Amino acid sequence: MVSTQPTAPRPRPLAGFRVIEVGHAVCAPLCARHLADLGADVIKVEAPGGDLARGYDEVVGGDSAYFAWANYGKRSVVLDLRSESGRTDFEKLIGRADVLIHNLGPGAMKRLGFDHARLSRINPTLIDCAISGYGKSGPMAERKAFDLLVQGEAGLMSVTGTHDEPAKVGISIVDMCTAMYALAAVQAALIERTTTAAGRRIDIAMFDCLAEWMMAPAFHQIHTGTPPRREGARHNMMVPYGLYKTGPSTSVNFAVQTTPHWRALCTDVLRAPHLTDHPDYANNADRVRNRTVLEPEIERLLSAIGHEQSLARLLAARIPVGEVNDLAGLVDHAQLRARDRWMTIRTHGGTAPTVRPPFDLTDPDESDPPSVPALGEHTTSVLAELD
């Protein structure tokens, strides 16, 4: 007989693991928050002044947008690691932790008395994940780093923007990129520890992470001697790919990556079959070389068709196409509503909506929404656990 009893929900994958985060801004906090999303008990150790991101603004119920996003679901403990008592309590926390994630300034942990050698003596099984701007060696090792600066140093701004002016990406993409690599490395080290019973040092540099992401355009520099040109809202290595005008104030955003896509665009959308086998546009490399002629012609044809009809034809031809939403459009997006992607977190001012973490590993438990911790909110309770 098949049981009709409800099945108990499975615990989240990292339930039972304890993570200590000594972090500022985005890199370390976001990595640690995702570990919390996966079930880890994350204790955020803050100096008496708190994470600098707390002061960015107060738009989320009194919390800053960046701080609320990167820190809900954690416990906040205030420790002055420059004091003897603070260092003693931190040592106790490390002794009972599985993971330490930190992104203080260059050499800060060593100056506080917690270099990797000492951390390993305190807890030989500790996964010590150190995030820095430029790594532990090299001529830039002692430089402080922020997202904007690394976007410039690693060449991202050189391929972002218009022909006339470079631009930064509009989100903290280097911080997020680094957080994801740290997250993957920490989880790999935890898996490794199940067989070795040993801790591991992980060094993650923001510059290295973005350099990895920059290799596709960098290959053009290496192998042709010239970089891809900045193309604004269009792709600098694929044509047609991006935003194309369908009228004086309207545009459509679509992506042609394959020969069938190209043929469908020419015949079913543009109704210009003569372009299909034109020798100047036979493949993507040809279309990139001749984009200054091809792209104005595509826009001329789309404008003659009109916006609504262009969009309808692109959808019917199964060419990848999408809207260019503003943030209000994202917040009200039908796809997020249809897939129940919104959840609630608690803030100082009550509650706030946010999207769920992008990994769905278990049914969501709405009974106890995660909170954005107040500075030092859990100091007493956490330290009591160490007695």
Protein backbone atom coordinates (compact mmCIF):
# COMPACT_ATOMS: atom_id res chain seq x y z
CA MET A 1 0.00 0.00 0.00
CA VAL A 2 1.27 3.45 -0.90
CA SER A 3 1.64 5.65 2.16
CA THR A 4 -0.46 8.80 2.24
CA GLN A 5 1.53 10.34 5.07
CA PRO A 6 3.23 13.61 4.13
CA THR A 7 6.94 13.26 3.49
CA ALA A 8 9.14 15.20 5.88
CA PRO A 9 11.09 17.88 4.04
CA ARG A 10 14.73 17.06 3.46
CA PRO A 11 17.21 19.26 5.28
CA ARG A 12 19.10 21.72 3.14
CA PRO A 13 22.43 20.35 1.82
CA LEU A 14 24.74 22.31 4.15
CA ALA A 15 22.67 21.95 7.33
CA GLY A 16 25.02 21.29 10.25
CA PHE A 17 27.95 23.25 8.82
CA ARG A 18 29.09 26.44 10.52
CA VAL A 19 30.57 29.31 8.54
CA ILE A 20 32.34 32.34 10.01
CA GLU A 21 32.34 35.40 7.77
CA VAL A 22 34.57 38.39 8.36
CA GLY A 23 33.47 40.41 5.38
CA HIS A 24 32.71 43.81 3.96
CA ALA A 25 30.75 45.02 0.95
CA VAL A 26 29.78 42.19 -1.44
CA CYS A 27 32.35 39.43 -2.22
CA ALA A 28 32.62 37.57 1.09
CA PRO A 29 29.11 38.47 2.30
CA LEU A 30 27.42 37.20 -0.87
CA CYS A 31 29.39 33.95 -0.85
CA ALA A 32 28.50 33.43 2.82
CA ARG A 33 24.84 34.29 2.21
CA HIS A 34 24.56 31.60 -0.43
CA LEU A 35 26.08 29.12 2.01
CA ALA A 36 23.31 30.18 4.41
CA ASP A 37 20.76 29.71 1.62
CA LEU A 38 22.06 26.14 1.33
CA GLY A 39 21.56 25.53 5.04
CA ALA A 40 24.80 26.52 6.75
CA ASP A 41 24.79 28.41 10.03
CA VAL A 42 26.55 31.63 9.02
CA ILE A 43 27.93 33.87 11.75
CA LYS A 44 28.88 37.29 10.48
CA VAL A 45 31.66 38.76 12.65
CA GLU A 46 31.66 42.54 12.45
CA ALA A 47 33.88 45.18 13.98
CA PRO A 48 32.13 47.62 16.33
CA GLY A 49 31.42 49.93 13.37
CA GLY A 50 29.90 47.13 11.29
CA ASP A 51 30.19 46.11 7.66
CA LEU A 52 30.81 49.25 5.60
CA ALA A 53 27.88 48.27 3.34
CA ARG A 54 25.48 48.96 6.21
CA GLY A 55 25.93 52.67 5.59
CA TYR A 56 25.41 52.77 1.82
CA ASP A 57 21.74 53.85 2.16
CA GLU A 58 18.58 53.01 4.13
CA VAL A 59 16.14 52.10 1.38
CA VAL A 60 15.18 48.58 2.54
CA GLY A 61 13.30 49.20 5.76
CA GLY A 62 16.27 51.05 7.23
CA ASP A 63 18.89 48.71 5.80
CA SER A 64 20.98 49.46 2.74
CA ALA A 65 20.03 47.71 -0.49
CA TYR A 66 23.39 45.98 -0.87
CA PHE A 67 23.60 44.97 2.78
CA ALA A 68 20.08 43.55 2.91
CA TRP A 69 20.61 41.57 -0.28
CA ALA A 70 23.96 40.04 0.69
CA ASN A 71 23.37 39.38 4.39
CA TYR A 72 19.93 38.05 5.19
CA GLY A 73 19.79 34.68 6.91
CA LYS A 74 22.94 35.24 8.99
CA ARG A 75 23.67 35.93 12.65
CA SER A 76 25.63 39.10 13.47
CA VAL A 77 28.27 39.11 16.20
CA VAL A 78 30.30 42.19 17.08
CA LEU A 79 33.89 41.48 18.10
CA ASP A 80 36.77 43.89 18.38
CA LEU A 81 39.58 41.74 17.02
CA ARG A 82 42.08 44.36 18.14
CA SER A 83 41.22 43.58 21.76
CA GLU A 84 42.36 40.55 23.74
CA SER A 85 38.82 39.52 24.61
CA GLY A 86 37.69 39.87 21.00
CA ARG A 87 40.54 37.73 19.73
CA THR A 88 39.83 35.11 22.41
CA ASP A 89 36.17 34.86 21.42
CA PHE A 90 37.08 34.76 17.72
CA GLU A 91 39.52 31.92 18.39
CA LYS A 92 36.71 29.97 20.05
CA LEU A 93 34.46 30.56 17.07
CA ILE A 94 37.16 29.38 14.67
CA GLY A 95 37.71 26.27 16.77
CA ARG A 96 34.12 25.18 16.17
CA ALA A 97 33.76 26.31 12.55
CA ASP A 98 33.93 24.46 9.27
CA VAL A 99 34.60 27.47 7.02
CA LEU A 100 36.06 30.95 7.41
CA ILE A 101 35.47 33.49 4.64
CA HIS A 102 37.15 36.88 4.81
CA ASN A 103 37.84 39.84 2.52
CA LEU A 104 39.40 42.48 4.74
CA GLY A 105 42.14 44.69 3.31
CA PRO A 106 45.56 43.32 2.29
CA GLY A 107 47.35 41.80 5.28
CA ALA A 108 44.57 42.70 7.73
CA MET A 109 43.99 39.19 9.07
CA LYS A 110 47.71 38.72 9.64
CA ARG A 111 47.96 42.03 11.48
CA LEU A 112 45.08 40.93 13.70
CA GLY A 113 47.04 37.79 14.56
CA PHE A 114 45.08 35.33 12.45
CA ASP A 115 47.24 34.35 9.51
CA HIS A 116 46.61 30.95 7.94
CA ALA A 117 49.25 29.20 10.01
CA ARG A 118 47.60 30.22 13.26
CA LEU A 119 44.12 29.45 11.96
CA SER A 120 45.31 25.95 11.06
CA ARG A 121 46.72 25.42 14.53
CA ILE A 122 43.42 26.49 16.07
CA ASN A 123 41.41 24.25 13.76
CA PRO A 124 43.26 21.82 11.47
CA THR A 125 40.05 20.98 9.58
CA LEU A 126 39.13 24.60 8.81
CA ILE A 127 38.43 25.68 5.24
CA ASP A 128 40.06 29.15 5.14
CA CYS A 129 38.79 31.14 2.15
CA ALA A 130 40.71 34.40 1.73
CA ILE A 131 39.34 36.86 -0.84
CA SER A 132 41.57 39.71 -2.01
CA GLY A 133 41.72 42.20 -4.81
CA TYR A 134 44.85 41.10 -6.62
CA GLY A 135 46.13 38.02 -4.77
CA LYS A 136 48.87 37.38 -2.25
CA SER A 137 51.82 38.11 -4.52
CA GLY A 138 52.81 40.34 -7.42
CA PRO A 139 53.25 44.11 -7.69
CA MET A 140 49.61 44.87 -6.82
CA ALA A 141 49.23 42.54 -3.85
CA GLU A 142 49.09 45.38 -1.32
CA ARG A 143 46.54 47.45 -3.21
CA LYS A 144 42.99 47.78 -2.00
CA ALA A 145 40.43 46.88 -4.62
CA PHE A 146 36.81 47.66 -5.35
CA ASP A 147 34.55 46.46 -8.15
CA LEU A 148 34.97 49.55 -10.35
CA LEU A 149 38.75 49.46 -10.11
CA VAL A 150 39.00 45.80 -11.08
CA GLN A 151 36.59 46.31 -13.99
CA GLY A 152 39.11 48.82 -15.29
CA GLU A 153 42.28 46.83 -14.50
CA ALA A 154 40.99 43.61 -16.08
CA GLY A 155 39.84 45.26 -19.31
CA LEU A 156 36.08 44.88 -18.85
CA MET A 157 35.48 48.59 -19.34
CA SER A 158 37.43 48.47 -22.60
CA VAL A 159 34.77 46.21 -24.14
CA THR A 160 31.74 47.77 -22.41
CA GLY A 161 30.13 50.99 -23.59
CA THR A 162 29.90 52.76 -26.92
CA HIS A 163 32.41 53.46 -29.65
CA ASP A 164 33.09 56.83 -28.07
CA GLU A 165 33.27 56.00 -24.38
CA PRO A 166 33.97 52.99 -22.13
CA ALA A 167 31.54 52.17 -19.31
CA LYS A 168 31.35 50.10 -16.18
CA VAL A 169 28.80 47.33 -15.87
CA GLY A 170 25.80 48.61 -13.94
CA ILE A 171 25.99 46.03 -11.15
CA SER A 172 28.92 44.90 -8.98
CA ILE A 173 29.78 42.16 -11.41
CA VAL A 174 33.35 41.57 -10.19
CA ASP A 175 32.18 41.11 -6.60
CA MET A 176 29.47 38.71 -7.73
CA CYS A 177 31.81 36.80 -10.03
CA THR A 178 34.31 36.41 -7.20
CA ALA A 179 31.62 35.33 -4.74
CA MET A 180 30.53 32.55 -7.11
CA TYR A 181 34.07 31.21 -7.54
CA ALA A 182 34.56 31.32 -3.77
CA LEU A 183 31.26 29.51 -3.26
CA ALA A 184 32.29 26.73 -5.64
CA ALA A 185 35.75 26.40 -4.11
CA VAL A 186 34.43 26.24 -0.54
CA GLN A 187 31.96 23.51 -1.41
CA ALA A 188 34.66 21.56 -3.28
CA ALA A 189 36.93 21.81 -0.22
CA LEU A 190 34.14 20.57 2.05
CA ILE A 191 33.67 17.56 -0.22
CA GLU A 192 37.42 16.93 -0.23
CA ARG A 193 37.48 17.10 3.56
CA THR A 194 35.11 14.14 3.81
CA THR A 195 37.94 11.91 2.56
CA THR A 196 41.04 13.72 3.84
CA ALA A 197 39.73 15.07 7.18
CA ALA A 198 42.01 18.04 6.50
CA GLY A 199 41.37 21.73 6.06
CA ARG A 200 42.45 23.78 3.10
CA ARG A 201 43.54 27.31 2.27
CA ILE A 202 41.66 28.91 -0.63
CA ASP A 203 42.95 32.13 -2.18
CA ILE A 204 40.51 33.96 -4.43
CA ALA A 205 41.52 37.21 -6.16
CA MET A 206 38.92 39.48 -7.72
CA PHE A 207 41.31 40.32 -10.54
CA ASP A 208 41.92 36.63 -11.33
CA CYS A 209 38.19 35.89 -11.40
CA LEU A 210 37.41 38.66 -13.86
CA ALA A 211 40.50 37.84 -15.94
CA GLU A 212 39.04 34.34 -16.40
CA TRP A 213 35.75 35.83 -17.58
CA MET A 214 37.60 38.12 -19.99
CA MET A 215 39.34 35.35 -21.93
CA ALA A 216 36.95 35.17 -24.88
CA PRO A 217 37.57 38.80 -25.91
CA ALA A 218 41.21 38.47 -24.83
CA PHE A 219 41.65 35.63 -27.31
CA HIS A 220 40.92 38.15 -30.05
CA GLN A 221 43.74 40.32 -28.75
CA ILE A 222 46.11 37.36 -28.45
CA HIS A 223 45.35 35.75 -31.80
CA THR A 224 44.56 38.74 -34.03
CA GLY A 225 46.43 41.57 -32.37
CA THR A 226 43.27 43.66 -32.09
CA PRO A 227 40.53 43.73 -29.46
CA PRO A 228 36.80 43.48 -30.17
CA ARG A 229 35.28 46.92 -30.61
CA ARG A 230 32.81 48.33 -28.07
CA GLU A 231 29.34 48.00 -29.58
CA GLY A 232 27.00 49.40 -26.94
CA ALA A 233 23.83 47.29 -26.73
CA ARG A 234 25.06 44.94 -29.45
CA HIS A 235 27.49 42.04 -29.32
CA ASN A 236 31.04 42.78 -30.34
CA MET A 237 31.67 39.26 -31.66
CA MET A 238 28.29 38.22 -33.12
CA VAL A 239 26.01 39.86 -35.72
CA PRO A 240 23.09 40.38 -35.63
CA TYR A 241 22.90 40.17 -31.85
CA GLY A 242 21.51 42.94 -29.69
CA LEU A 243 19.20 45.93 -29.85
CA TYR A 244 17.90 46.99 -33.30
CA LYS A 245 15.56 49.88 -34.05
CA THR A 246 12.06 49.10 -35.29
CA GLY A 247 11.04 52.76 -35.44
CA PRO A 248 11.99 56.22 -34.17
CA SER A 249 11.46 55.26 -30.49
CA THR A 250 11.17 51.47 -30.49
CA SER A 251 13.70 48.65 -30.64
CA VAL A 252 13.74 44.88 -30.49
CA ASN A 253 16.37 42.76 -28.74
CA PHE A 254 17.25 39.51 -30.50
CA ALA A 255 20.14 37.09 -30.94
CA VAL A 256 21.24 35.23 -34.05
CA GLN A 257 23.83 32.56 -33.25
CA THR A 258 23.29 29.81 -35.81
CA THR A 259 22.91 29.47 -39.56
CA PRO A 260 19.25 28.39 -39.19
CA HIS A 261 18.65 31.54 -37.10
CA TRP A 262 20.20 33.68 -39.82
CA ARG A 263 18.19 32.06 -42.58
CA ALA A 264 14.96 32.39 -40.58
CA LEU A 265 15.69 36.07 -39.92
CA CYS A 266 16.27 36.81 -43.59
CA THR A 267 13.35 34.82 -45.01
CA ASP A 268 10.66 34.76 -42.30
CA VAL A 269 11.24 38.05 -40.50
CA LEU A 270 12.89 40.53 -42.84
CA ARG A 271 11.41 38.92 -45.97
CA ALA A 272 14.74 39.61 -47.64
CA PRO A 273 15.90 36.22 -48.98
CA HIS A 274 18.64 37.86 -51.02
CA LEU A 275 20.58 38.39 -47.79
CA THR A 276 20.54 34.71 -46.88
CA ASP A 277 23.34 33.59 -49.17
CA HIS A 278 24.98 36.93 -49.77
CA PRO A 279 28.76 36.27 -49.77
CA ASP A 280 29.39 39.19 -47.41
CA TYR A 281 27.11 37.63 -44.77
CA ALA A 282 27.66 33.89 -45.25
CA ASN A 283 28.75 33.25 -41.68
CA ASN A 284 29.08 35.14 -38.43
CA ALA A 285 32.69 36.18 -39.05
CA ASP A 286 31.63 37.69 -42.41
CA ARG A 287 28.70 39.48 -40.79
CA VAL A 288 30.94 40.96 -38.08
CA ARG A 289 33.41 42.20 -40.71
CA ASN A 290 30.60 43.81 -42.69
CA ARG A 291 28.39 44.96 -39.84
CA THR A 292 28.59 48.66 -40.74
CA VAL A 293 26.63 47.88 -43.93
CA LEU A 294 24.49 44.98 -42.69
CA GLU A 295 23.15 46.39 -39.42
CA PRO A 296 21.73 49.63 -40.91
CA GLU A 297 20.01 47.49 -43.55
CA ILE A 298 18.48 45.24 -40.89
CA GLU A 299 17.19 48.31 -39.03
CA ARG A 300 15.76 49.77 -42.27
CA LEU A 301 13.84 46.56 -42.95
CA LEU A 302 12.61 46.21 -39.35
CA SER A 303 11.44 49.82 -39.29
CA ALA A 304 9.45 49.22 -42.47
CA ILE A 305 7.82 46.19 -40.85
CA GLY A 306 7.05 48.00 -37.58
CA HIS A 307 7.68 47.04 -33.97
CA GLU A 308 4.73 44.76 -33.19
CA GLN A 309 4.99 42.85 -36.44
CA SER A 310 8.78 42.51 -36.11
CA LEU A 311 8.38 41.05 -32.63
CA ALA A 312 5.62 38.71 -33.78
CA ARG A 313 7.69 37.45 -36.72
CA LEU A 314 10.78 36.89 -34.55
CA LEU A 315 8.74 34.85 -32.09
CA ALA A 316 7.08 32.86 -34.87
CA ALA A 317 10.48 32.14 -36.45
CA ARG A 318 11.75 30.94 -33.04
CA ILE A 319 14.61 33.40 -33.06
CA PRO A 320 15.68 34.21 -29.49
CA VAL A 321 14.10 37.57 -28.64
CA GLY A 322 13.28 39.49 -25.50
CA GLU A 323 12.19 42.79 -24.00
CA VAL A 324 14.55 45.43 -22.62
CA ASN A 325 12.96 46.02 -19.23
CA ASP A 326 13.71 48.66 -16.68
CA LEU A 327 13.87 47.68 -13.01
CA ALA A 328 10.13 48.24 -12.56
CA GLY A 329 9.64 45.78 -15.41
CA LEU A 330 11.81 43.23 -13.65
CA VAL A 331 9.97 43.62 -10.34
CA ASP A 332 6.62 43.13 -12.09
CA HIS A 333 7.85 40.42 -14.47
CA ALA A 334 5.26 37.77 -15.27
CA GLN A 335 7.90 35.01 -15.34
CA LEU A 336 8.90 35.66 -11.73
CA ARG A 337 5.25 35.62 -10.64
CA ALA A 338 4.39 32.49 -12.60
CA ARG A 339 7.28 30.54 -11.11
CA ASP A 340 6.71 31.82 -7.56
CA ARG A 341 10.18 33.34 -7.42
CA TRP A 342 9.38 35.94 -4.76
CA MET A 343 9.91 35.46 -1.04
CA THR A 344 9.85 37.70 2.03
CA ILE A 345 12.72 38.68 4.33
CA ARG A 346 12.54 40.54 7.62
CA THR A 347 14.21 43.93 7.91
CA HIS A 348 14.46 46.60 10.59
CA GLY A 349 11.36 48.23 9.15
CA GLY A 350 9.24 45.08 8.90
CA THR A 351 9.42 42.90 5.81
CA ALA A 352 10.63 43.25 2.24
CA PRO A 353 10.24 41.18 -0.94
CA THR A 354 13.23 39.61 -2.67
CA VAL A 355 13.70 36.89 -5.24
CA ARG A 356 14.46 33.40 -4.02
CA PRO A 357 18.02 32.05 -4.36
CA PRO A 358 18.38 30.67 -7.90
CA PHE A 359 19.07 27.08 -6.79
CA ASP A 360 15.87 25.17 -6.00
CA LEU A 361 16.89 22.21 -3.86
CA THR A 362 13.89 21.84 -1.56
CA ASP A 363 10.38 23.11 -1.06
CA PRO A 364 10.51 26.61 0.41
CA ASP A 365 9.64 27.00 4.09
CA GLU A 366 7.71 30.25 4.47
CA SER A 367 7.05 29.86 8.20
CA ASP A 368 10.21 31.63 9.36
CA PRO A 369 11.46 34.16 6.80
CA PRO A 370 15.19 34.95 7.00
CA SER A 371 16.18 38.24 8.60
CA VAL A 372 18.67 40.96 7.85
CA PRO A 373 20.64 40.98 11.12
CA ALA A 374 21.02 44.13 13.15
CA LEU A 375 24.59 44.97 14.05
CA GLY A 376 25.57 42.66 16.92
CA GLU A 377 22.05 41.26 17.24
CA HIS A 378 23.29 37.75 18.03
CA THR A 379 26.48 38.51 19.95
CA THR A 380 25.17 37.35 23.33
CA SER A 381 23.48 34.19 22.08
CA VAL A 382 26.38 33.08 19.89
CA LEU A 383 29.01 33.65 22.55
CA ALA A 384 26.86 31.74 25.04
CA GLU A 385 27.09 28.72 22.72
CA LEU A 386 30.86 28.72 23.19
CA ASP A 387 30.73 28.18 26.97
